[in-house]
Amino acid sequence: MGDFVRIVEVGPRDGLQNEKAHVSTADKIELIDRLSATGLRTIEATSFVSPKWIPQLADAAEVYAGITRRPDVAYPVLVPNETGYERARAVGVEEIAVFTAASEAFNRRNVNAGIDESLARFAPVLERARADGVKVRGYVSTVLGCPYQGEVPLADVVRVSQRLHAMGCYEISLGDTIGVGTPHQARAMLQAVAAEIPLDALAVHFHDTYGQALANLLACLEAGVRVVDAAVSGAGGCPYASGASGNVASEDVVYMLHGLGLRTGVDLPRLAETGRWLAARLGRETGSKAGKAMTAVP
């Protein structure tokens, strides 16, 4: 699989959407521009979901229109339906992401639809994206556990991932939404999906609720995955797990990857400074241990 690992920075979307403190449009734009200067190749910019459901990202169009886009960086956005797709395309979006879950119970509680119905809802979005030459990434959440049904069968994770891939998603991000997985489980889940979908079309997305995210990432890296989702400063709690610390911090991931001799193209000191800057805007300390150590004042 090679020694380069692509970090998909999800802080501006998955991170901020779960933060309680309001973040201004100007600060969101500055965050993305700062991240663009770190060497990251993919930065998920925002989400074109209904502002009624996620007020924090109600300014999606303004944010996307305001960032300085670099030619070597992809700026995907999340869209839930055709309305979101049209809003995104109106401001020049060239890559989108769609989402579903491997848990039937989670889907019904989260989007008021079963798995098959949720897939049917965004089938027209993928058709339009294909016609428009827009790349589509797919998210599968609750791959290692669900807050409502508990254990999620591997067969369901594989089936949903296969459906997304067959529908045209070039990459499938496998997410441990509530952060309950352990390394053995994470590796087994990845290998089960990779038996049906090419490994280079898979990514992993771990939350750090039980402190297992880096260990889970290492297990999946050893199994061959080379795309990893992470959020600068560990931004974003998990609304489905009380007290959860949310996304694994990008700084911690990059520090580990570089220590393993893997390449990311990311300037870690600049990333750590961006994480410190964001934490100050959110009124708290950075959630990254590496970031905290690197930016500590003697």
C-alpha atoms as a PDB file:
ATOM      1  CA  MET A   1       0.000   0.000   0.000  1.00  0.00           C
ATOM      2  CA  GLY A   2       3.013   2.334   0.216  1.00  0.00           C
ATOM      3  CA  ASP A   3       4.263   4.585   2.987  1.00  0.00           C
ATOM      4  CA  PHE A   4       2.033   7.642   2.327  1.00  0.00           C
ATOM      5  CA  VAL A   5      -1.065   8.109   4.483  1.00  0.00           C
ATOM      6  CA  ARG A   6      -3.682  10.663   3.462  1.00  0.00           C
ATOM      7  CA  ILE A   7      -5.299  12.471   6.364  1.00  0.00           C
ATOM      8  CA  VAL A   8      -8.890  13.543   5.771  1.00  0.00           C
ATOM      9  CA  GLU A   9      -9.280  16.535   8.069  1.00  0.00           C
ATOM     10  CA  VAL A  10     -12.881  16.574   9.319  1.00  0.00           C
ATOM     11  CA  GLY A  11     -12.575  19.241  12.010  1.00  0.00           C
ATOM     12  CA  PRO A  12     -14.373  22.044  10.145  1.00  0.00           C
ATOM     13  CA  ARG A  13     -17.404  19.784   9.615  1.00  0.00           C
ATOM     14  CA  ASP A  14     -17.625  16.745  11.891  1.00  0.00           C
ATOM     15  CA  GLY A  15     -15.706  18.564  14.605  1.00  0.00           C
ATOM     16  CA  LEU A  16     -17.491  21.892  14.663  1.00  0.00           C
ATOM     17  CA  GLN A  17     -21.000  20.504  14.171  1.00  0.00           C
ATOM     18  CA  ASN A  18     -20.811  18.905  17.618  1.00  0.00           C
ATOM     19  CA  GLU A  19     -19.224  21.855  19.410  1.00  0.00           C
ATOM     20  CA  LYS A  20     -21.554  23.741  21.728  1.00  0.00           C
ATOM     21  CA  ALA A  21     -19.772  27.089  21.445  1.00  0.00           C
ATOM     22  CA  HIS A  22     -20.845  29.141  18.423  1.00  0.00           C
ATOM     23  CA  VAL A  23     -18.070  29.586  15.856  1.00  0.00           C
ATOM     24  CA  SER A  24     -18.261  32.630  13.607  1.00  0.00           C
ATOM     25  CA  THR A  25     -18.205  32.371   9.832  1.00  0.00           C
ATOM     26  CA  ALA A  26     -14.947  34.318   9.749  1.00  0.00           C
ATOM     27  CA  ASP A  27     -13.321  31.892  12.186  1.00  0.00           C
ATOM     28  CA  LYS A  28     -14.492  28.877  10.156  1.00  0.00           C
ATOM     29  CA  ILE A  29     -12.979  30.369   7.027  1.00  0.00           C
ATOM     30  CA  GLU A  30      -9.737  31.151   8.842  1.00  0.00           C
ATOM     31  CA  LEU A  31      -9.613  27.615  10.261  1.00  0.00           C
ATOM     32  CA  ILE A  32      -9.889  26.053   6.806  1.00  0.00           C
ATOM     33  CA  ASP A  33      -7.331  28.452   5.337  1.00  0.00           C
ATOM     34  CA  ARG A  34      -4.921  27.663   8.187  1.00  0.00           C
ATOM     35  CA  LEU A  35      -5.430  23.933   7.625  1.00  0.00           C
ATOM     36  CA  SER A  36      -4.837  24.406   3.884  1.00  0.00           C
ATOM     37  CA  ALA A  37      -1.395  25.786   4.709  1.00  0.00           C
ATOM     38  CA  THR A  38      -0.334  22.687   6.687  1.00  0.00           C
ATOM     39  CA  GLY A  39       0.054  20.328   3.737  1.00  0.00           C
ATOM     40  CA  LEU A  40      -3.211  18.439   4.257  1.00  0.00           C
ATOM     41  CA  ARG A  41      -4.599  17.031   1.003  1.00  0.00           C
ATOM     42  CA  THR A  42      -8.271  16.732   2.008  1.00  0.00           C
ATOM     43  CA  ILE A  43     -10.233  19.102   4.261  1.00  0.00           C
ATOM     44  CA  GLU A  44     -13.947  18.499   4.770  1.00  0.00           C
ATOM     45  CA  ALA A  45     -15.162  22.079   4.740  1.00  0.00           C
ATOM     46  CA  THR A  46     -18.781  22.048   5.925  1.00  0.00           C
ATOM     47  CA  SER A  47     -22.188  20.406   5.594  1.00  0.00           C
ATOM     48  CA  PHE A  48     -25.158  21.465   3.485  1.00  0.00           C
ATOM     49  CA  VAL A  49     -27.733  19.909   5.770  1.00  0.00           C
ATOM     50  CA  SER A  50     -30.787  21.815   6.977  1.00  0.00           C
ATOM     51  CA  PRO A  51     -29.807  24.630   9.372  1.00  0.00           C
ATOM     52  CA  LYS A  52     -32.727  23.459  11.519  1.00  0.00           C
ATOM     53  CA  TRP A  53     -30.835  20.251  12.309  1.00  0.00           C
ATOM     54  CA  ILE A  54     -27.308  21.639  12.578  1.00  0.00           C
ATOM     55  CA  PRO A  55     -27.431  25.394  13.364  1.00  0.00           C
ATOM     56  CA  GLN A  56     -23.642  25.516  13.754  1.00  0.00           C
ATOM     57  CA  LEU A  57     -23.228  24.940  10.002  1.00  0.00           C
ATOM     58  CA  ALA A  58     -26.066  27.166   8.786  1.00  0.00           C
ATOM     59  CA  ASP A  59     -23.461  29.349   7.056  1.00  0.00           C
ATOM     60  CA  ALA A  60     -22.189  26.535   4.809  1.00  0.00           C
ATOM     61  CA  ALA A  61     -22.508  28.525   1.570  1.00  0.00           C
ATOM     62  CA  GLU A  62     -20.784  31.587   3.034  1.00  0.00           C
ATOM     63  CA  VAL A  63     -17.945  29.485   4.436  1.00  0.00           C
ATOM     64  CA  TYR A  64     -17.310  27.577   1.231  1.00  0.00           C
ATOM     65  CA  ALA A  65     -17.454  30.738  -0.872  1.00  0.00           C
ATOM     66  CA  GLY A  66     -15.075  32.506   1.509  1.00  0.00           C
ATOM     67  CA  ILE A  67     -12.208  30.018   1.749  1.00  0.00           C
ATOM     68  CA  THR A  68      -9.077  30.295  -0.355  1.00  0.00           C
ATOM     69  CA  ARG A  69      -9.084  27.022  -2.255  1.00  0.00           C
ATOM     70  CA  ARG A  70      -5.708  25.583  -3.183  1.00  0.00           C
ATOM     71  CA  PRO A  71      -5.392  23.497  -6.357  1.00  0.00           C
ATOM     72  CA  ASP A  72      -3.676  20.629  -4.540  1.00  0.00           C
ATOM     73  CA  VAL A  73      -6.308  20.355  -1.779  1.00  0.00           C
ATOM     74  CA  ALA A  74      -9.767  18.740  -1.972  1.00  0.00           C
ATOM     75  CA  TYR A  75     -12.585  20.419  -0.038  1.00  0.00           C
ATOM     76  CA  PRO A  76     -15.482  17.928   0.159  1.00  0.00           C
ATOM     77  CA  VAL A  77     -18.764  18.841   1.862  1.00  0.00           C
ATOM     78  CA  LEU A  78     -21.486  16.664   3.357  1.00  0.00           C
ATOM     79  CA  VAL A  79     -24.872  16.627   1.630  1.00  0.00           C
ATOM     80  CA  PRO A  80     -27.970  14.691   2.775  1.00  0.00           C
ATOM     81  CA  ASN A  81     -30.203  15.030  -0.269  1.00  0.00           C
ATOM     82  CA  GLU A  82     -30.732  16.740  -3.622  1.00  0.00           C
ATOM     83  CA  THR A  83     -31.539  20.079  -1.999  1.00  0.00           C
ATOM     84  CA  GLY A  84     -28.205  20.019  -0.196  1.00  0.00           C
ATOM     85  CA  TYR A  85     -26.480  18.971  -3.409  1.00  0.00           C
ATOM     86  CA  GLU A  86     -27.963  21.895  -5.312  1.00  0.00           C
ATOM     87  CA  ARG A  87     -26.928  24.357  -2.588  1.00  0.00           C
ATOM     88  CA  ALA A  88     -23.409  22.950  -2.633  1.00  0.00           C
ATOM     89  CA  ARG A  89     -23.072  23.063  -6.414  1.00  0.00           C
ATOM     90  CA  ALA A  90     -24.320  26.655  -6.459  1.00  0.00           C
ATOM     91  CA  VAL A  91     -21.127  27.753  -4.675  1.00  0.00           C
ATOM     92  CA  GLY A  92     -18.788  25.589  -6.758  1.00  0.00           C
ATOM     93  CA  VAL A  93     -18.415  22.407  -4.705  1.00  0.00           C
ATOM     94  CA  GLU A  94     -16.516  19.710  -6.629  1.00  0.00           C
ATOM     95  CA  GLU A  95     -16.603  16.839  -4.129  1.00  0.00           C
ATOM     96  CA  ILE A  96     -19.328  15.702  -1.756  1.00  0.00           C
ATOM     97  CA  ALA A  97     -19.888  13.085   0.910  1.00  0.00           C
ATOM     98  CA  VAL A  98     -23.043  11.121   1.739  1.00  0.00           C
ATOM     99  CA  PHE A  99     -23.728   9.234   4.937  1.00  0.00           C
ATOM    100  CA  THR A 100     -25.596   6.267   6.326  1.00  0.00           C
ATOM    101  CA  ALA A 101     -25.104   3.760   9.135  1.00  0.00           C
ATOM    102  CA  ALA A 102     -24.594   0.037   9.489  1.00  0.00           C
ATOM    103  CA  SER A 103     -27.139   0.039  12.327  1.00  0.00           C
ATOM    104  CA  GLU A 104     -30.832   0.009  11.440  1.00  0.00           C
ATOM    105  CA  ALA A 105     -31.719   1.488  14.849  1.00  0.00           C
ATOM    106  CA  PHE A 106     -29.203   4.327  14.495  1.00  0.00           C
ATOM    107  CA  ASN A 107     -30.466   5.210  11.036  1.00  0.00           C
ATOM    108  CA  ARG A 108     -34.046   5.392  12.233  1.00  0.00           C
ATOM    109  CA  ARG A 109     -33.138   7.595  15.198  1.00  0.00           C
ATOM    110  CA  ASN A 110     -30.716   9.778  13.229  1.00  0.00           C
ATOM    111  CA  VAL A 111     -32.409  10.308   9.849  1.00  0.00           C
ATOM    112  CA  ASN A 112     -35.877   8.820  10.477  1.00  0.00           C
ATOM    113  CA  ALA A 113     -35.359   6.139   7.850  1.00  0.00           C
ATOM    114  CA  GLY A 114     -34.100   2.585   7.610  1.00  0.00           C
ATOM    115  CA  ILE A 115     -30.809   1.752   5.914  1.00  0.00           C
ATOM    116  CA  ASP A 116     -32.340   0.848   2.576  1.00  0.00           C
ATOM    117  CA  GLU A 117     -34.539   3.942   2.602  1.00  0.00           C
ATOM    118  CA  SER A 118     -31.598   6.209   3.422  1.00  0.00           C
ATOM    119  CA  LEU A 119     -29.620   4.722   0.538  1.00  0.00           C
ATOM    120  CA  ALA A 120     -32.573   5.242  -1.788  1.00  0.00           C
ATOM    121  CA  ARG A 121     -32.822   8.880  -0.678  1.00  0.00           C
ATOM    122  CA  PHE A 122     -29.414   9.816  -1.927  1.00  0.00           C
ATOM    123  CA  ALA A 123     -29.322   7.588  -5.000  1.00  0.00           C
ATOM    124  CA  PRO A 124     -30.457  10.589  -7.113  1.00  0.00           C
ATOM    125  CA  VAL A 125     -27.633  12.633  -5.594  1.00  0.00           C
ATOM    126  CA  LEU A 126     -25.059  10.104  -6.776  1.00  0.00           C
ATOM    127  CA  GLU A 127     -26.648  10.029 -10.219  1.00  0.00           C
ATOM    128  CA  ARG A 128     -26.427  13.804 -10.519  1.00  0.00           C
ATOM    129  CA  ALA A 129     -22.893  13.828  -9.162  1.00  0.00           C
ATOM    130  CA  ARG A 130     -21.837  11.248 -11.744  1.00  0.00           C
ATOM    131  CA  ALA A 131     -23.350  13.350 -14.521  1.00  0.00           C
ATOM    132  CA  ASP A 132     -21.672  16.499 -13.183  1.00  0.00           C
ATOM    133  CA  GLY A 133     -18.254  14.900 -12.677  1.00  0.00           C
ATOM    134  CA  VAL A 134     -18.454  15.418  -8.906  1.00  0.00           C
ATOM    135  CA  LYS A 135     -16.583  12.921  -6.729  1.00  0.00           C
ATOM    136  CA  VAL A 136     -18.551  11.250  -3.928  1.00  0.00           C
ATOM    137  CA  ARG A 137     -17.237   9.862  -0.657  1.00  0.00           C
ATOM    138  CA  GLY A 138     -19.409   7.615   1.503  1.00  0.00           C
ATOM    139  CA  TYR A 139     -19.604   7.409   5.279  1.00  0.00           C
ATOM    140  CA  VAL A 140     -20.757   4.313   7.151  1.00  0.00           C
ATOM    141  CA  SER A 141     -21.236   5.062  10.831  1.00  0.00           C
ATOM    142  CA  THR A 142     -21.670   2.753  13.860  1.00  0.00           C
ATOM    143  CA  VAL A 143     -19.385   0.093  12.360  1.00  0.00           C
ATOM    144  CA  LEU A 144     -18.217  -1.136  15.775  1.00  0.00           C
ATOM    145  CA  GLY A 145     -21.255  -0.452  17.910  1.00  0.00           C
ATOM    146  CA  CYS A 146     -24.525   1.450  18.151  1.00  0.00           C
ATOM    147  CA  PRO A 147     -25.874   3.484  21.090  1.00  0.00           C
ATOM    148  CA  TYR A 148     -29.360   2.041  20.489  1.00  0.00           C
ATOM    149  CA  GLN A 149     -28.937  -1.578  19.382  1.00  0.00           C
ATOM    150  CA  GLY A 150     -25.496  -2.313  20.836  1.00  0.00           C
ATOM    151  CA  GLU A 151     -23.495  -4.763  18.727  1.00  0.00           C
ATOM    152  CA  VAL A 152     -23.594  -4.264  14.963  1.00  0.00           C
ATOM    153  CA  PRO A 153     -23.113  -7.444  12.885  1.00  0.00           C
ATOM    154  CA  LEU A 154     -20.082  -7.347  10.569  1.00  0.00           C
ATOM    155  CA  ALA A 155     -22.295  -8.606   7.751  1.00  0.00           C
ATOM    156  CA  ASP A 156     -24.324  -5.390   7.979  1.00  0.00           C
ATOM    157  CA  VAL A 157     -21.188  -3.228   7.817  1.00  0.00           C
ATOM    158  CA  VAL A 158     -20.013  -5.135   4.748  1.00  0.00           C
ATOM    159  CA  ARG A 159     -23.415  -4.979   3.036  1.00  0.00           C
ATOM    160  CA  VAL A 160     -23.846  -1.217   3.486  1.00  0.00           C
ATOM    161  CA  SER A 161     -20.265  -0.532   2.403  1.00  0.00           C
ATOM    162  CA  GLN A 162     -20.750  -2.649  -0.711  1.00  0.00           C
ATOM    163  CA  ARG A 163     -23.932  -0.761  -1.583  1.00  0.00           C
ATOM    164  CA  LEU A 164     -22.214   2.615  -1.299  1.00  0.00           C
ATOM    165  CA  HIS A 165     -19.273   1.460  -3.390  1.00  0.00           C
ATOM    166  CA  ALA A 166     -21.578   0.017  -6.050  1.00  0.00           C
ATOM    167  CA  MET A 167     -23.550   3.269  -6.141  1.00  0.00           C
ATOM    168  CA  GLY A 168     -20.413   5.162  -7.105  1.00  0.00           C
ATOM    169  CA  CYS A 169     -18.625   6.267  -3.933  1.00  0.00           C
ATOM    170  CA  TYR A 170     -14.904   6.282  -4.730  1.00  0.00           C
ATOM    171  CA  GLU A 171     -14.028   5.938  -1.042  1.00  0.00           C
ATOM    172  CA  ILE A 172     -15.853   4.508   1.969  1.00  0.00           C
ATOM    173  CA  SER A 173     -15.063   5.864   5.434  1.00  0.00           C
ATOM    174  CA  LEU A 174     -15.762   3.312   8.169  1.00  0.00           C
ATOM    175  CA  GLY A 175     -16.698   5.111  11.357  1.00  0.00           C
ATOM    176  CA  ASP A 176     -16.731   4.034  14.994  1.00  0.00           C
ATOM    177  CA  THR A 177     -19.254   6.733  15.850  1.00  0.00           C
ATOM    178  CA  ILE A 178     -19.361   6.188  19.612  1.00  0.00           C
ATOM    179  CA  GLY A 179     -15.752   5.119  20.028  1.00  0.00           C
ATOM    180  CA  VAL A 180     -16.378   1.731  21.625  1.00  0.00           C
ATOM    181  CA  GLY A 181     -14.165  -0.404  19.398  1.00  0.00           C
ATOM    182  CA  THR A 182     -10.841  -1.995  20.319  1.00  0.00           C
ATOM    183  CA  PRO A 183      -7.906  -2.863  18.017  1.00  0.00           C
ATOM    184  CA  HIS A 184      -8.833  -6.508  17.443  1.00  0.00           C
ATOM    185  CA  GLN A 185     -12.399  -5.540  16.554  1.00  0.00           C
ATOM    186  CA  ALA A 186     -11.258  -2.663  14.341  1.00  0.00           C
ATOM    187  CA  ARG A 187      -8.871  -4.842  12.351  1.00  0.00           C
ATOM    188  CA  ALA A 188     -11.463  -7.615  11.926  1.00  0.00           C
ATOM    189  CA  MET A 189     -14.058  -5.106  10.724  1.00  0.00           C
ATOM    190  CA  LEU A 190     -11.674  -3.564   8.193  1.00  0.00           C
ATOM    191  CA  GLN A 191     -10.579  -6.963   6.889  1.00  0.00           C
ATOM    192  CA  ALA A 192     -14.189  -8.105   6.500  1.00  0.00           C
ATOM    193  CA  VAL A 193     -15.013  -5.073   4.369  1.00  0.00           C
ATOM    194  CA  ALA A 194     -11.722  -5.287   2.453  1.00  0.00           C
ATOM    195  CA  ALA A 195     -12.614  -8.830   1.427  1.00  0.00           C
ATOM    196  CA  GLU A 196     -15.382  -7.309  -0.722  1.00  0.00           C
ATOM    197  CA  ILE A 197     -14.088  -3.802  -1.548  1.00  0.00           C
ATOM    198  CA  PRO A 198     -10.543  -2.843  -2.615  1.00  0.00           C
ATOM    199  CA  LEU A 199      -8.525  -1.725   0.404  1.00  0.00           C
ATOM    200  CA  ASP A 200      -7.403   1.434  -1.390  1.00  0.00           C
ATOM    201  CA  ALA A 201     -11.075   2.511  -1.502  1.00  0.00           C
ATOM    202  CA  LEU A 202     -11.408   2.350   2.298  1.00  0.00           C
ATOM    203  CA  ALA A 203     -10.745   4.852   5.079  1.00  0.00           C
ATOM    204  CA  VAL A 204     -11.154   4.652   8.849  1.00  0.00           C
ATOM    205  CA  HIS A 205     -12.773   7.151  11.214  1.00  0.00           C
ATOM    206  CA  PHE A 206     -12.371   6.629  14.960  1.00  0.00           C
ATOM    207  CA  HIS A 207     -13.746   8.538  17.914  1.00  0.00           C
ATOM    208  CA  ASP A 208     -11.738   8.439  21.127  1.00  0.00           C
ATOM    209  CA  THR A 209     -14.481   7.896  23.704  1.00  0.00           C
ATOM    210  CA  TYR A 210     -12.637   5.055  25.450  1.00  0.00           C
ATOM    211  CA  GLY A 211      -9.114   6.175  24.507  1.00  0.00           C
ATOM    212  CA  GLN A 212      -8.763   3.495  21.845  1.00  0.00           C
ATOM    213  CA  ALA A 213      -8.631   5.599  18.674  1.00  0.00           C
ATOM    214  CA  LEU A 214      -4.856   5.610  18.083  1.00  0.00           C
ATOM    215  CA  ALA A 215      -4.571   1.914  18.912  1.00  0.00           C
ATOM    216  CA  ASN A 216      -7.428   1.166  16.515  1.00  0.00           C
ATOM    217  CA  LEU A 217      -5.766   3.254  13.823  1.00  0.00           C
ATOM    218  CA  LEU A 218      -2.483   1.402  14.267  1.00  0.00           C
ATOM    219  CA  ALA A 219      -4.247  -1.956  13.930  1.00  0.00           C
ATOM    220  CA  CYS A 220      -5.874  -0.808  10.692  1.00  0.00           C
ATOM    221  CA  LEU A 221      -2.649   0.710   9.347  1.00  0.00           C
ATOM    222  CA  GLU A 222      -0.929  -2.628   9.943  1.00  0.00           C
ATOM    223  CA  ALA A 223      -3.769  -4.239   7.977  1.00  0.00           C
ATOM    224  CA  GLY A 224      -2.996  -1.898   5.083  1.00  0.00           C
ATOM    225  CA  VAL A 225      -5.379   1.067   5.251  1.00  0.00           C
ATOM    226  CA  ARG A 226      -3.827   4.333   4.072  1.00  0.00           C
ATOM    227  CA  VAL A 227      -6.600   6.904   4.505  1.00  0.00           C
ATOM    228  CA  VAL A 228      -7.436   8.188   7.995  1.00  0.00           C
ATOM    229  CA  ASP A 229     -10.059  10.689   9.165  1.00  0.00           C
ATOM    230  CA  ALA A 230      -9.142  13.008  12.051  1.00  0.00           C
ATOM    231  CA  ALA A 231     -10.085  16.400  13.506  1.00  0.00           C
ATOM    232  CA  VAL A 232      -7.630  19.125  14.454  1.00  0.00           C
ATOM    233  CA  SER A 233      -7.521  19.751  18.221  1.00  0.00           C
ATOM    234  CA  GLY A 234      -9.786  16.714  18.674  1.00  0.00           C
ATOM    235  CA  ALA A 235     -12.736  18.983  17.894  1.00  0.00           C
ATOM    236  CA  GLY A 236     -16.252  17.677  18.365  1.00  0.00           C
ATOM    237  CA  GLY A 237     -17.864  15.642  21.070  1.00  0.00           C
ATOM    238  CA  CYS A 238     -20.143  12.748  20.255  1.00  0.00           C
ATOM    239  CA  PRO A 239     -23.833  13.517  20.826  1.00  0.00           C
ATOM    240  CA  TYR A 240     -24.604   9.810  21.281  1.00  0.00           C
ATOM    241  CA  ALA A 241     -22.154   9.069  24.096  1.00  0.00           C
ATOM    242  CA  SER A 242     -22.252  11.125  27.270  1.00  0.00           C
ATOM    243  CA  GLY A 243     -18.876  12.693  28.049  1.00  0.00           C
ATOM    244  CA  ALA A 244     -17.311  11.424  24.848  1.00  0.00           C
ATOM    245  CA  SER A 245     -14.190  13.221  23.712  1.00  0.00           C
ATOM    246  CA  GLY A 246     -15.143  12.935  20.074  1.00  0.00           C
ATOM    247  CA  ASN A 247     -12.824  12.681  17.097  1.00  0.00           C
ATOM    248  CA  VAL A 248      -9.240  11.528  17.335  1.00  0.00           C
ATOM    249  CA  ALA A 249      -6.976  14.578  17.105  1.00  0.00           C
ATOM    250  CA  SER A 250      -5.193  15.131  13.794  1.00  0.00           C
ATOM    251  CA  GLU A 251      -2.013  16.233  15.566  1.00  0.00           C
ATOM    252  CA  ASP A 252      -1.844  12.977  17.541  1.00  0.00           C
ATOM    253  CA  VAL A 253      -2.437  10.937  14.383  1.00  0.00           C
ATOM    254  CA  VAL A 254       0.260  12.755  12.415  1.00  0.00           C
ATOM    255  CA  TYR A 255       2.730  12.463  15.302  1.00  0.00           C
ATOM    256  CA  MET A 256       2.159   8.702  15.434  1.00  0.00           C
ATOM    257  CA  LEU A 257       2.358   8.279  11.655  1.00  0.00           C
ATOM    258  CA  HIS A 258       5.627  10.192  11.413  1.00  0.00           C
ATOM    259  CA  GLY A 259       6.988   8.118  14.289  1.00  0.00           C
ATOM    260  CA  LEU A 260       6.145   4.994  12.290  1.00  0.00           C
ATOM    261  CA  GLY A 261       8.150   6.307   9.346  1.00  0.00           C
ATOM    262  CA  LEU A 262       5.029   6.965   7.284  1.00  0.00           C
ATOM    263  CA  ARG A 263       4.640  10.118   5.201  1.00  0.00           C
ATOM    264  CA  THR A 264       1.682  12.512   5.408  1.00  0.00           C
ATOM    265  CA  GLY A 265       2.956  15.699   3.773  1.00  0.00           C
ATOM    266  CA  VAL A 266       1.711  17.557   6.855  1.00  0.00           C
ATOM    267  CA  ASP A 267       3.718  20.222   8.684  1.00  0.00           C
ATOM    268  CA  LEU A 268       3.068  19.015  12.238  1.00  0.00           C
ATOM    269  CA  PRO A 269       4.199  22.176  14.121  1.00  0.00           C
ATOM    270  CA  ARG A 270       1.933  24.299  11.921  1.00  0.00           C
ATOM    271  CA  LEU A 271      -0.942  21.861  12.467  1.00  0.00           C
ATOM    272  CA  ALA A 272      -0.394  21.941  16.239  1.00  0.00           C
ATOM    273  CA  GLU A 273      -0.452  25.732  16.201  1.00  0.00           C
ATOM    274  CA  THR A 274      -3.706  25.659  14.246  1.00  0.00           C
ATOM    275  CA  GLY A 275      -5.153  23.294  16.855  1.00  0.00           C
ATOM    276  CA  ARG A 276      -4.091  25.636  19.655  1.00  0.00           C
ATOM    277  CA  TRP A 277      -5.647  28.570  17.787  1.00  0.00           C
ATOM    278  CA  LEU A 278      -8.937  26.694  17.344  1.00  0.00           C
ATOM    279  CA  ALA A 279      -9.044  25.623  20.988  1.00  0.00           C
ATOM    280  CA  ALA A 280      -8.654  29.265  22.025  1.00  0.00           C
ATOM    281  CA  ARG A 281     -11.587  30.201  19.782  1.00  0.00           C
ATOM    282  CA  LEU A 282     -13.640  27.434  21.414  1.00  0.00           C
ATOM    283  CA  GLY A 283     -12.663  28.623  24.884  1.00  0.00           C
ATOM    284  CA  ARG A 284     -10.880  25.484  26.016  1.00  0.00           C
ATOM    285  CA  GLU A 285      -7.559  23.662  25.922  1.00  0.00           C
ATOM    286  CA  THR A 286      -6.659  21.690  22.833  1.00  0.00           C
ATOM    287  CA  GLY A 287      -7.900  18.116  22.868  1.00  0.00           C
ATOM    288  CA  SER A 288      -4.661  16.916  21.282  1.00  0.00           C
ATOM    289  CA  LYS A 289      -1.978  15.540  23.581  1.00  0.00           C
ATOM    290  CA  ALA A 290       0.722  16.063  20.947  1.00  0.00           C
ATOM    291  CA  GLY A 291      -0.579  19.549  20.249  1.00  0.00           C
ATOM    292  CA  LYS A 292      -0.574  20.414  23.935  1.00  0.00           C
ATOM    293  CA  ALA A 293       2.996  19.203  24.364  1.00  0.00           C
ATOM    294  CA  MET A 294       4.245  20.988  21.242  1.00  0.00           C
ATOM    295  CA  THR A 295       2.655  24.349  22.011  1.00  0.00           C
ATOM    296  CA  ALA A 296       3.262  24.418  25.774  1.00  0.00           C
ATOM    297  CA  VAL A 297       4.936  27.571  27.043  1.00  0.00           C
ATOM    298  CA  PRO A 298       8.001  26.717  29.155  1.00  0.00           C
END
